[in-house]
């Protein structure tokens, strides 16, 4: 029974990690930028959702407001900041890291340091019997959302013209621009969608893990690990990496919490020793 509970916990946590890391890895695939402010976008999405849900009582309104607000934040930061340092990896890392710390401190100043929890609507609250295991219905819904999002993103990348442009931008951005595609506009669009997605995920995660200072760093570290394991730029790899890390976190938290980081990072180090690009990484 405990093993089944642990596996379900790992799968649902992996679903949340995929929601966070999916836009992250697609953005890297096109722009070759590891946005280390991604965790701060998630945290601000959580806090915005907390405020909106508290004011309106609508969980859906919290998701929509967080997605739109963080999407706009992504637009402003990409156009005003990221575009200026694109192609300079050191400057990109320093800029995104500094922006992440700045947004994290602003969140602490505005919202304080007390842990909060976004309330879950009654319709998706409570417990559900699954394979003889009583499990929170909301977490099962979160995993279902992750599966649906994976299917939608994969179809968009593989089966649509937009996806073809994104994949072409990965392989040869200069040639794509020479053929008439505005690569800056395409990159900005991907950045905004990624930011909006992680903003909405902040609300979903705030009802799962709660909202607290430092949550941005916690989720960012695991998202980076997911993307590196799966392979930079690979959506399929992000899905596999999310499940693996979710299971490792769940198993480690139950059976050896004092060695949790060892349990997470030791397999990662071994994997990267044999496959430096990750499981399904694209060439860069």
C-alpha atoms as a PDB file:
ATOM      1  CA  UNK A   1       0.000   0.000   0.000  1.00  0.00           C
ATOM      2  CA  UNK A   2       2.794   2.410   0.906  1.00  0.00           C
ATOM      3  CA  UNK A   3       4.654   1.612  -2.305  1.00  0.00           C
ATOM      4  CA  UNK A   4       1.559   2.329  -4.380  1.00  0.00           C
ATOM      5  CA  UNK A   5       1.006   5.610  -2.528  1.00  0.00           C
ATOM      6  CA  UNK A   6       4.638   6.541  -3.075  1.00  0.00           C
ATOM      7  CA  UNK A   7       4.436   5.810  -6.811  1.00  0.00           C
ATOM      8  CA  UNK A   8       1.264   7.878  -7.192  1.00  0.00           C
ATOM      9  CA  UNK A   9       2.885  10.725  -5.279  1.00  0.00           C
ATOM     10  CA  UNK A  10       5.889  10.528  -7.581  1.00  0.00           C
ATOM     11  CA  UNK A  11       3.819  10.483 -10.756  1.00  0.00           C
ATOM     12  CA  UNK A  12       1.690  13.448  -9.726  1.00  0.00           C
ATOM     13  CA  UNK A  13       4.729  15.408  -8.576  1.00  0.00           C
ATOM     14  CA  UNK A  14       6.331  14.538 -11.897  1.00  0.00           C
ATOM     15  CA  UNK A  15       3.246  15.951 -13.614  1.00  0.00           C
ATOM     16  CA  UNK A  16       3.792  19.289 -11.862  1.00  0.00           C
ATOM     17  CA  UNK A  17       7.478  19.248 -12.803  1.00  0.00           C
ATOM     18  CA  UNK A  18       6.548  18.680 -16.439  1.00  0.00           C
ATOM     19  CA  UNK A  19       4.168  21.641 -16.380  1.00  0.00           C
ATOM     20  CA  UNK A  20       7.038  23.789 -15.096  1.00  0.00           C
ATOM     21  CA  UNK A  21       9.759  22.414 -17.371  1.00  0.00           C
ATOM     22  CA  UNK A  22       7.856  22.017 -20.662  1.00  0.00           C
ATOM     23  CA  UNK A  23       7.939  25.694 -21.619  1.00  0.00           C
ATOM     24  CA  UNK A  24      11.463  25.848 -20.227  1.00  0.00           C
ATOM     25  CA  UNK A  25      12.752  23.187 -22.600  1.00  0.00           C
ATOM     26  CA  UNK A  26      10.815  24.411 -25.656  1.00  0.00           C
ATOM     27  CA  UNK A  27      12.221  27.898 -25.067  1.00  0.00           C
ATOM     28  CA  UNK A  28      15.740  26.529 -24.876  1.00  0.00           C
ATOM     29  CA  UNK A  29      15.128  24.551 -28.050  1.00  0.00           C
ATOM     30  CA  UNK A  30      14.422  27.733 -30.016  1.00  0.00           C
ATOM     31  CA  UNK A  31      16.419  30.423 -28.193  1.00  0.00           C
ATOM     32  CA  UNK A  32      19.245  28.419 -26.578  1.00  0.00           C
ATOM     33  CA  UNK A  33      18.541  30.353 -23.353  1.00  0.00           C
ATOM     34  CA  UNK A  34      18.255  28.678 -19.964  1.00  0.00           C
ATOM     35  CA  UNK A  35      15.920  31.171 -18.299  1.00  0.00           C
ATOM     36  CA  UNK A  36      16.968  31.004 -14.656  1.00  0.00           C
ATOM     37  CA  UNK A  37      14.191  33.474 -13.811  1.00  0.00           C
ATOM     38  CA  UNK A  38      11.699  30.723 -14.648  1.00  0.00           C
ATOM     39  CA  UNK A  39      11.318  29.791 -10.986  1.00  0.00           C
ATOM     40  CA  UNK A  40      10.590  33.416 -10.058  1.00  0.00           C
ATOM     41  CA  UNK A  41       7.891  33.548 -12.764  1.00  0.00           C
ATOM     42  CA  UNK A  42       6.396  30.438 -11.156  1.00  0.00           C
ATOM     43  CA  UNK A  43       6.501  32.033  -7.689  1.00  0.00           C
ATOM     44  CA  UNK A  44       4.824  35.233  -8.857  1.00  0.00           C
ATOM     45  CA  UNK A  45       2.168  33.180 -10.633  1.00  0.00           C
ATOM     46  CA  UNK A  46       1.523  31.414  -7.320  1.00  0.00           C
ATOM     47  CA  UNK A  47       1.177  34.660  -5.381  1.00  0.00           C
ATOM     48  CA  UNK A  48      -1.031  36.286  -8.018  1.00  0.00           C
ATOM     49  CA  UNK A  49      -3.234  33.202  -7.994  1.00  0.00           C
ATOM     50  CA  UNK A  50      -3.396  33.315  -4.200  1.00  0.00           C
ATOM     51  CA  UNK A  51      -4.563  36.949  -4.270  1.00  0.00           C
ATOM     52  CA  UNK A  52      -7.115  36.454  -7.052  1.00  0.00           C
ATOM     53  CA  UNK A  53      -8.559  33.239  -5.629  1.00  0.00           C
ATOM     54  CA  UNK A  54      -8.828  34.891  -2.216  1.00  0.00           C
ATOM     55  CA  UNK A  55     -10.578  37.939  -3.680  1.00  0.00           C
ATOM     56  CA  UNK A  56     -12.937  36.208  -6.132  1.00  0.00           C
ATOM     57  CA  UNK A  57     -13.243  32.652  -4.840  1.00  0.00           C
ATOM     58  CA  UNK A  58     -12.577  31.450  -8.389  1.00  0.00           C
ATOM     59  CA  UNK A  59      -9.688  29.054  -8.930  1.00  0.00           C
ATOM     60  CA  UNK A  60     -10.051  29.395 -12.716  1.00  0.00           C
ATOM     61  CA  UNK A  61      -9.839  33.191 -12.483  1.00  0.00           C
ATOM     62  CA  UNK A  62      -6.610  32.816 -10.527  1.00  0.00           C
ATOM     63  CA  UNK A  63      -5.121  30.650 -13.279  1.00  0.00           C
ATOM     64  CA  UNK A  64      -6.189  33.044 -16.054  1.00  0.00           C
ATOM     65  CA  UNK A  65      -4.937  36.182 -14.287  1.00  0.00           C
ATOM     66  CA  UNK A  66      -1.606  34.559 -13.412  1.00  0.00           C
ATOM     67  CA  UNK A  67      -1.115  33.287 -16.981  1.00  0.00           C
ATOM     68  CA  UNK A  68      -1.883  36.686 -18.530  1.00  0.00           C
ATOM     69  CA  UNK A  69       0.147  38.711 -16.020  1.00  0.00           C
ATOM     70  CA  UNK A  70       3.245  36.491 -16.193  1.00  0.00           C
ATOM     71  CA  UNK A  71       2.890  36.305 -19.971  1.00  0.00           C
ATOM     72  CA  UNK A  72       3.024  40.118 -20.111  1.00  0.00           C
ATOM     73  CA  UNK A  73       6.002  40.077 -17.740  1.00  0.00           C
ATOM     74  CA  UNK A  74       7.690  37.595 -20.078  1.00  0.00           C
ATOM     75  CA  UNK A  75       6.999  39.850 -23.072  1.00  0.00           C
ATOM     76  CA  UNK A  76       8.472  42.905 -21.374  1.00  0.00           C
ATOM     77  CA  UNK A  77      11.571  41.117 -20.075  1.00  0.00           C
ATOM     78  CA  UNK A  78      12.268  39.372 -23.387  1.00  0.00           C
ATOM     79  CA  UNK A  79      11.981  42.527 -25.492  1.00  0.00           C
ATOM     80  CA  UNK A  80      13.648  44.914 -23.032  1.00  0.00           C
ATOM     81  CA  UNK A  81      16.330  42.645 -21.559  1.00  0.00           C
ATOM     82  CA  UNK A  82      16.824  39.176 -23.023  1.00  0.00           C
ATOM     83  CA  UNK A  83      16.997  40.285 -26.641  1.00  0.00           C
ATOM     84  CA  UNK A  84      19.912  42.588 -25.844  1.00  0.00           C
ATOM     85  CA  UNK A  85      22.164  39.775 -24.607  1.00  0.00           C
ATOM     86  CA  UNK A  86      20.989  36.948 -26.877  1.00  0.00           C
ATOM     87  CA  UNK A  87      23.913  34.899 -28.137  1.00  0.00           C
ATOM     88  CA  UNK A  88      26.126  35.707 -25.140  1.00  0.00           C
ATOM     89  CA  UNK A  89      25.731  32.725 -22.769  1.00  0.00           C
ATOM     90  CA  UNK A  90      27.517  34.303 -19.790  1.00  0.00           C
ATOM     91  CA  UNK A  91      25.439  37.486 -19.979  1.00  0.00           C
ATOM     92  CA  UNK A  92      22.252  35.460 -20.415  1.00  0.00           C
ATOM     93  CA  UNK A  93      22.930  33.388 -17.322  1.00  0.00           C
ATOM     94  CA  UNK A  94      23.853  36.417 -15.208  1.00  0.00           C
ATOM     95  CA  UNK A  95      20.830  38.379 -16.433  1.00  0.00           C
ATOM     96  CA  UNK A  96      18.303  35.595 -15.844  1.00  0.00           C
ATOM     97  CA  UNK A  97      19.827  34.675 -12.480  1.00  0.00           C
ATOM     98  CA  UNK A  98      19.847  38.291 -11.327  1.00  0.00           C
ATOM     99  CA  UNK A  99      16.279  38.830 -12.524  1.00  0.00           C
ATOM    100  CA  UNK A 100      15.211  35.712 -10.646  1.00  0.00           C
ATOM    101  CA  UNK A 101      16.753  36.960  -7.383  1.00  0.00           C
ATOM    102  CA  UNK A 102      15.213  40.410  -7.902  1.00  0.00           C
ATOM    103  CA  UNK A 103      11.720  39.023  -8.479  1.00  0.00           C
ATOM    104  CA  UNK A 104      12.103  36.653  -5.529  1.00  0.00           C
ATOM    105  CA  UNK A 105      13.003  39.510  -3.175  1.00  0.00           C
ATOM    106  CA  UNK A 106      10.144  41.639  -4.523  1.00  0.00           C
ATOM    107  CA  UNK A 107       7.739  38.783  -3.827  1.00  0.00           C
ATOM    108  CA  UNK A 108       9.030  38.590  -0.260  1.00  0.00           C
ATOM    109  CA  UNK A 109       8.611  42.360   0.166  1.00  0.00           C
ATOM    110  CA  UNK A 110       5.072  42.423  -1.229  1.00  0.00           C
ATOM    111  CA  UNK A 111       3.630  39.222   0.199  1.00  0.00           C
ATOM    112  CA  UNK A 112       5.684  38.556   3.323  1.00  0.00           C
ATOM    113  CA  UNK A 113       7.372  35.382   4.471  1.00  0.00           C
ATOM    114  CA  UNK A 114       4.475  33.304   5.793  1.00  0.00           C
ATOM    115  CA  UNK A 115       3.713  30.069   3.930  1.00  0.00           C
ATOM    116  CA  UNK A 116       0.290  30.084   2.243  1.00  0.00           C
ATOM    117  CA  UNK A 117      -1.899  27.531   0.491  1.00  0.00           C
ATOM    118  CA  UNK A 118      -4.147  28.211  -2.487  1.00  0.00           C
ATOM    119  CA  UNK A 119      -7.533  26.621  -1.736  1.00  0.00           C
ATOM    120  CA  UNK A 120      -8.735  23.900  -4.078  1.00  0.00           C
ATOM    121  CA  UNK A 121     -12.348  24.058  -5.356  1.00  0.00           C
ATOM    122  CA  UNK A 122     -14.679  21.513  -3.787  1.00  0.00           C
ATOM    123  CA  UNK A 123     -15.390  19.854  -7.128  1.00  0.00           C
ATOM    124  CA  UNK A 124     -11.741  18.750  -7.445  1.00  0.00           C
ATOM    125  CA  UNK A 125     -11.060  18.457  -3.706  1.00  0.00           C
ATOM    126  CA  UNK A 126     -11.419  15.424  -1.529  1.00  0.00           C
ATOM    127  CA  UNK A 127     -10.117  11.938  -2.219  1.00  0.00           C
ATOM    128  CA  UNK A 128     -10.506   9.328  -4.924  1.00  0.00           C
ATOM    129  CA  UNK A 129     -10.204   5.553  -4.698  1.00  0.00           C
ATOM    130  CA  UNK A 130      -7.663   4.281  -7.243  1.00  0.00           C
ATOM    131  CA  UNK A 131      -6.383   0.695  -7.334  1.00  0.00           C
ATOM    132  CA  UNK A 132      -7.396   0.322  -3.702  1.00  0.00           C
ATOM    133  CA  UNK A 133      -5.500   3.474  -2.712  1.00  0.00           C
ATOM    134  CA  UNK A 134      -7.205   6.588  -1.413  1.00  0.00           C
ATOM    135  CA  UNK A 135      -5.538   9.543  -3.108  1.00  0.00           C
ATOM    136  CA  UNK A 136      -6.218  13.307  -3.374  1.00  0.00           C
ATOM    137  CA  UNK A 137      -8.424  13.987  -6.403  1.00  0.00           C
ATOM    138  CA  UNK A 138      -6.669  17.270  -7.130  1.00  0.00           C
ATOM    139  CA  UNK A 139      -3.292  15.591  -7.614  1.00  0.00           C
ATOM    140  CA  UNK A 140      -4.806  13.112 -10.059  1.00  0.00           C
ATOM    141  CA  UNK A 141      -6.317  16.026 -11.982  1.00  0.00           C
ATOM    142  CA  UNK A 142      -2.923  17.737 -12.047  1.00  0.00           C
ATOM    143  CA  UNK A 143      -1.344  14.645 -13.589  1.00  0.00           C
ATOM    144  CA  UNK A 144      -4.148  14.487 -16.185  1.00  0.00           C
ATOM    145  CA  UNK A 145      -3.506  18.148 -17.090  1.00  0.00           C
ATOM    146  CA  UNK A 146       0.192  17.372 -17.572  1.00  0.00           C
ATOM    147  CA  UNK A 147      -0.641  14.472 -19.916  1.00  0.00           C
ATOM    148  CA  UNK A 148      -3.033  16.637 -21.936  1.00  0.00           C
ATOM    149  CA  UNK A 149      -0.496  19.460 -22.156  1.00  0.00           C
ATOM    150  CA  UNK A 150       2.189  17.046 -23.333  1.00  0.00           C
ATOM    151  CA  UNK A 151      -0.117  15.790 -26.092  1.00  0.00           C
ATOM    152  CA  UNK A 152      -1.015  19.341 -27.179  1.00  0.00           C
ATOM    153  CA  UNK A 153       2.569  20.570 -27.202  1.00  0.00           C
ATOM    154  CA  UNK A 154       3.806  17.505 -29.042  1.00  0.00           C
ATOM    155  CA  UNK A 155       1.102  17.847 -31.681  1.00  0.00           C
ATOM    156  CA  UNK A 156       1.928  21.551 -32.072  1.00  0.00           C
ATOM    157  CA  UNK A 157       5.654  20.888 -32.471  1.00  0.00           C
ATOM    158  CA  UNK A 158       5.327  17.882 -34.769  1.00  0.00           C
ATOM    159  CA  UNK A 159       2.062  18.373 -36.653  1.00  0.00           C
ATOM    160  CA  UNK A 160       1.669  22.107 -37.307  1.00  0.00           C
ATOM    161  CA  UNK A 161       3.391  24.800 -39.358  1.00  0.00           C
ATOM    162  CA  UNK A 162       4.207  26.711 -36.185  1.00  0.00           C
ATOM    163  CA  UNK A 163       5.949  23.652 -34.802  1.00  0.00           C
ATOM    164  CA  UNK A 164       7.867  23.264 -38.042  1.00  0.00           C
ATOM    165  CA  UNK A 165       9.066  26.872 -37.734  1.00  0.00           C
ATOM    166  CA  UNK A 166      10.151  26.312 -34.140  1.00  0.00           C
ATOM    167  CA  UNK A 167      12.042  23.145 -35.085  1.00  0.00           C
ATOM    168  CA  UNK A 168      13.613  24.915 -38.041  1.00  0.00           C
ATOM    169  CA  UNK A 169      14.671  27.699 -35.704  1.00  0.00           C
ATOM    170  CA  UNK A 170      16.439  25.093 -33.586  1.00  0.00           C
ATOM    171  CA  UNK A 171      18.347  23.654 -36.546  1.00  0.00           C
ATOM    172  CA  UNK A 172      19.192  26.798 -38.510  1.00  0.00           C
ATOM    173  CA  UNK A 173      17.831  30.112 -37.292  1.00  0.00           C
ATOM    174  CA  UNK A 174      19.825  32.102 -39.864  1.00  0.00           C
ATOM    175  CA  UNK A 175      18.390  30.157 -42.795  1.00  0.00           C
ATOM    176  CA  UNK A 176      14.871  30.467 -41.380  1.00  0.00           C
ATOM    177  CA  UNK A 177      15.265  34.244 -41.133  1.00  0.00           C
ATOM    178  CA  UNK A 178      16.681  34.393 -44.665  1.00  0.00           C
ATOM    179  CA  UNK A 179      13.486  32.690 -45.893  1.00  0.00           C
ATOM    180  CA  UNK A 180      11.371  35.498 -44.462  1.00  0.00           C
ATOM    181  CA  UNK A 181      10.522  34.413 -40.906  1.00  0.00           C
ATOM    182  CA  UNK A 182      11.010  37.032 -38.211  1.00  0.00           C
ATOM    183  CA  UNK A 183      13.034  34.964 -35.770  1.00  0.00           C
ATOM    184  CA  UNK A 184      12.855  37.642 -33.067  1.00  0.00           C
ATOM    185  CA  UNK A 185       9.062  37.663 -33.199  1.00  0.00           C
ATOM    186  CA  UNK A 186       8.967  33.864 -33.131  1.00  0.00           C
ATOM    187  CA  UNK A 187      11.357  33.718 -30.182  1.00  0.00           C
ATOM    188  CA  UNK A 188       9.357  36.350 -28.315  1.00  0.00           C
ATOM    189  CA  UNK A 189       6.155  34.393 -28.902  1.00  0.00           C
ATOM    190  CA  UNK A 190       7.728  31.210 -27.526  1.00  0.00           C
ATOM    191  CA  UNK A 191       9.072  33.134 -24.522  1.00  0.00           C
ATOM    192  CA  UNK A 192       5.660  34.670 -23.767  1.00  0.00           C
ATOM    193  CA  UNK A 193       3.868  31.307 -24.046  1.00  0.00           C
ATOM    194  CA  UNK A 194       6.493  29.729 -21.781  1.00  0.00           C
ATOM    195  CA  UNK A 195       6.064  32.511 -19.203  1.00  0.00           C
ATOM    196  CA  UNK A 196       2.257  32.318 -19.329  1.00  0.00           C
ATOM    197  CA  UNK A 197       2.394  28.543 -18.920  1.00  0.00           C
ATOM    198  CA  UNK A 198       4.638  28.709 -15.862  1.00  0.00           C
ATOM    199  CA  UNK A 199       2.469  31.493 -14.409  1.00  0.00           C
ATOM    200  CA  UNK A 200      -0.601  29.269 -14.647  1.00  0.00           C
ATOM    201  CA  UNK A 201       1.426  26.369 -13.269  1.00  0.00           C
ATOM    202  CA  UNK A 202       2.306  28.526 -10.264  1.00  0.00           C
ATOM    203  CA  UNK A 203      -1.378  28.539  -9.301  1.00  0.00           C
ATOM    204  CA  UNK A 204      -1.697  24.781  -9.812  1.00  0.00           C
ATOM    205  CA  UNK A 205       1.499  24.204  -7.841  1.00  0.00           C
ATOM    206  CA  UNK A 206       0.444  26.621  -5.113  1.00  0.00           C
ATOM    207  CA  UNK A 207      -2.549  24.395  -4.395  1.00  0.00           C
ATOM    208  CA  UNK A 208      -0.270  21.330  -4.419  1.00  0.00           C
ATOM    209  CA  UNK A 209       2.921  22.430  -2.638  1.00  0.00           C
ATOM    210  CA  UNK A 210       1.800  25.711  -1.104  1.00  0.00           C
ATOM    211  CA  UNK A 211       3.276  29.177  -1.658  1.00  0.00           C
ATOM    212  CA  UNK A 212       6.324  30.309   0.278  1.00  0.00           C
ATOM    213  CA  UNK A 213       9.543  32.311  -0.138  1.00  0.00           C
ATOM    214  CA  UNK A 214      12.238  30.131  -1.654  1.00  0.00           C
ATOM    215  CA  UNK A 215       9.706  28.052  -3.577  1.00  0.00           C
ATOM    216  CA  UNK A 216      11.082  29.579  -6.767  1.00  0.00           C
ATOM    217  CA  UNK A 217      14.548  28.152  -6.115  1.00  0.00           C
ATOM    218  CA  UNK A 218      13.194  24.738  -5.120  1.00  0.00           C
ATOM    219  CA  UNK A 219      11.144  24.337  -8.289  1.00  0.00           C
ATOM    220  CA  UNK A 220      13.832  25.860 -10.533  1.00  0.00           C
ATOM    221  CA  UNK A 221      16.517  23.404  -9.378  1.00  0.00           C
ATOM    222  CA  UNK A 222      14.289  20.408 -10.104  1.00  0.00           C
ATOM    223  CA  UNK A 223      13.135  21.863 -13.437  1.00  0.00           C
ATOM    224  CA  UNK A 224      16.740  22.358 -14.529  1.00  0.00           C
ATOM    225  CA  UNK A 225      17.537  18.786 -13.509  1.00  0.00           C
ATOM    226  CA  UNK A 226      14.516  17.540 -15.482  1.00  0.00           C
ATOM    227  CA  UNK A 227      15.578  19.410 -18.617  1.00  0.00           C
ATOM    228  CA  UNK A 228      19.194  18.254 -18.367  1.00  0.00           C
ATOM    229  CA  UNK A 229      18.205  14.621 -17.826  1.00  0.00           C
ATOM    230  CA  UNK A 230      15.708  14.616 -20.672  1.00  0.00           C
ATOM    231  CA  UNK A 231      18.006  16.517 -22.985  1.00  0.00           C
ATOM    232  CA  UNK A 232      18.083  20.231 -23.711  1.00  0.00           C
ATOM    233  CA  UNK A 233      15.392  21.086 -26.231  1.00  0.00           C
ATOM    234  CA  UNK A 234      13.552  17.731 -26.090  1.00  0.00           C
ATOM    235  CA  UNK A 235       9.889  17.769 -25.047  1.00  0.00           C
ATOM    236  CA  UNK A 236       9.772  13.965 -24.851  1.00  0.00           C
ATOM    237  CA  UNK A 237      12.890  14.063 -22.729  1.00  0.00           C
ATOM    238  CA  UNK A 238      11.290  16.605 -20.394  1.00  0.00           C
ATOM    239  CA  UNK A 239       8.325  14.263 -19.893  1.00  0.00           C
ATOM    240  CA  UNK A 240      10.581  11.294 -19.112  1.00  0.00           C
ATOM    241  CA  UNK A 241      12.820  13.379 -16.864  1.00  0.00           C
ATOM    242  CA  UNK A 242       9.819  14.752 -14.964  1.00  0.00           C
ATOM    243  CA  UNK A 243       8.534  11.274 -14.166  1.00  0.00           C
ATOM    244  CA  UNK A 244      11.986  10.046 -13.129  1.00  0.00           C
ATOM    245  CA  UNK A 245      12.665  12.997 -10.833  1.00  0.00           C
ATOM    246  CA  UNK A 246       9.129  12.896  -9.420  1.00  0.00           C
ATOM    247  CA  UNK A 247       9.569   9.238  -8.500  1.00  0.00           C
ATOM    248  CA  UNK A 248      13.045   9.817  -7.051  1.00  0.00           C
ATOM    249  CA  UNK A 249      11.788  12.696  -4.890  1.00  0.00           C
ATOM    250  CA  UNK A 250       8.824  10.655  -3.688  1.00  0.00           C
ATOM    251  CA  UNK A 251      10.847   7.533  -2.910  1.00  0.00           C
ATOM    252  CA  UNK A 252      13.646   9.516  -1.271  1.00  0.00           C
ATOM    253  CA  UNK A 253      11.242  11.561   0.865  1.00  0.00           C
ATOM    254  CA  UNK A 254       9.626   8.397   2.236  1.00  0.00           C
ATOM    255  CA  UNK A 255      12.519   5.967   2.662  1.00  0.00           C
ATOM    256  CA  UNK A 256      15.623   8.154   3.138  1.00  0.00           C
ATOM    257  CA  UNK A 257      14.756  11.851   3.525  1.00  0.00           C
ATOM    258  CA  UNK A 258      18.181  12.671   4.948  1.00  0.00           C
ATOM    259  CA  UNK A 259      19.770  11.487   1.663  1.00  0.00           C
ATOM    260  CA  UNK A 260      17.185  13.065  -0.654  1.00  0.00           C
ATOM    261  CA  UNK A 261      19.609  15.172  -2.686  1.00  0.00           C
ATOM    262  CA  UNK A 262      21.979  12.232  -3.049  1.00  0.00           C
ATOM    263  CA  UNK A 263      19.111  10.085  -4.314  1.00  0.00           C
ATOM    264  CA  UNK A 264      18.177  12.770  -6.839  1.00  0.00           C
ATOM    265  CA  UNK A 265      21.589  13.804  -8.087  1.00  0.00           C
ATOM    266  CA  UNK A 266      23.623  10.580  -7.978  1.00  0.00           C
ATOM    267  CA  UNK A 267      21.616   8.951 -10.825  1.00  0.00           C
ATOM    268  CA  UNK A 268      21.770  12.264 -12.719  1.00  0.00           C
ATOM    269  CA  UNK A 269      25.560  12.330 -12.504  1.00  0.00           C
ATOM    270  CA  UNK A 270      25.782   8.716 -13.658  1.00  0.00           C
ATOM    271  CA  UNK A 271      23.406   9.345 -16.541  1.00  0.00           C
ATOM    272  CA  UNK A 272      25.309  12.392 -17.742  1.00  0.00           C
ATOM    273  CA  UNK A 273      28.596  10.502 -17.476  1.00  0.00           C
ATOM    274  CA  UNK A 274      27.350   8.046 -20.108  1.00  0.00           C
ATOM    275  CA  UNK A 275      24.999  10.415 -22.015  1.00  0.00           C
ATOM    276  CA  UNK A 276      26.244  14.009 -21.683  1.00  0.00           C
ATOM    277  CA  UNK A 277      23.380  15.334 -23.839  1.00  0.00           C
ATOM    278  CA  UNK A 278      20.760  13.649 -21.686  1.00  0.00           C
ATOM    279  CA  UNK A 279      18.336  10.941 -22.740  1.00  0.00           C
ATOM    280  CA  UNK A 280      16.898  12.619 -25.840  1.00  0.00           C
ATOM    281  CA  UNK A 281      18.921  15.795 -26.205  1.00  0.00           C
ATOM    282  CA  UNK A 282      19.101  17.584 -29.528  1.00  0.00           C
ATOM    283  CA  UNK A 283      22.421  18.654 -30.948  1.00  0.00           C
ATOM    284  CA  UNK A 284      23.267  22.276 -30.337  1.00  0.00           C
END
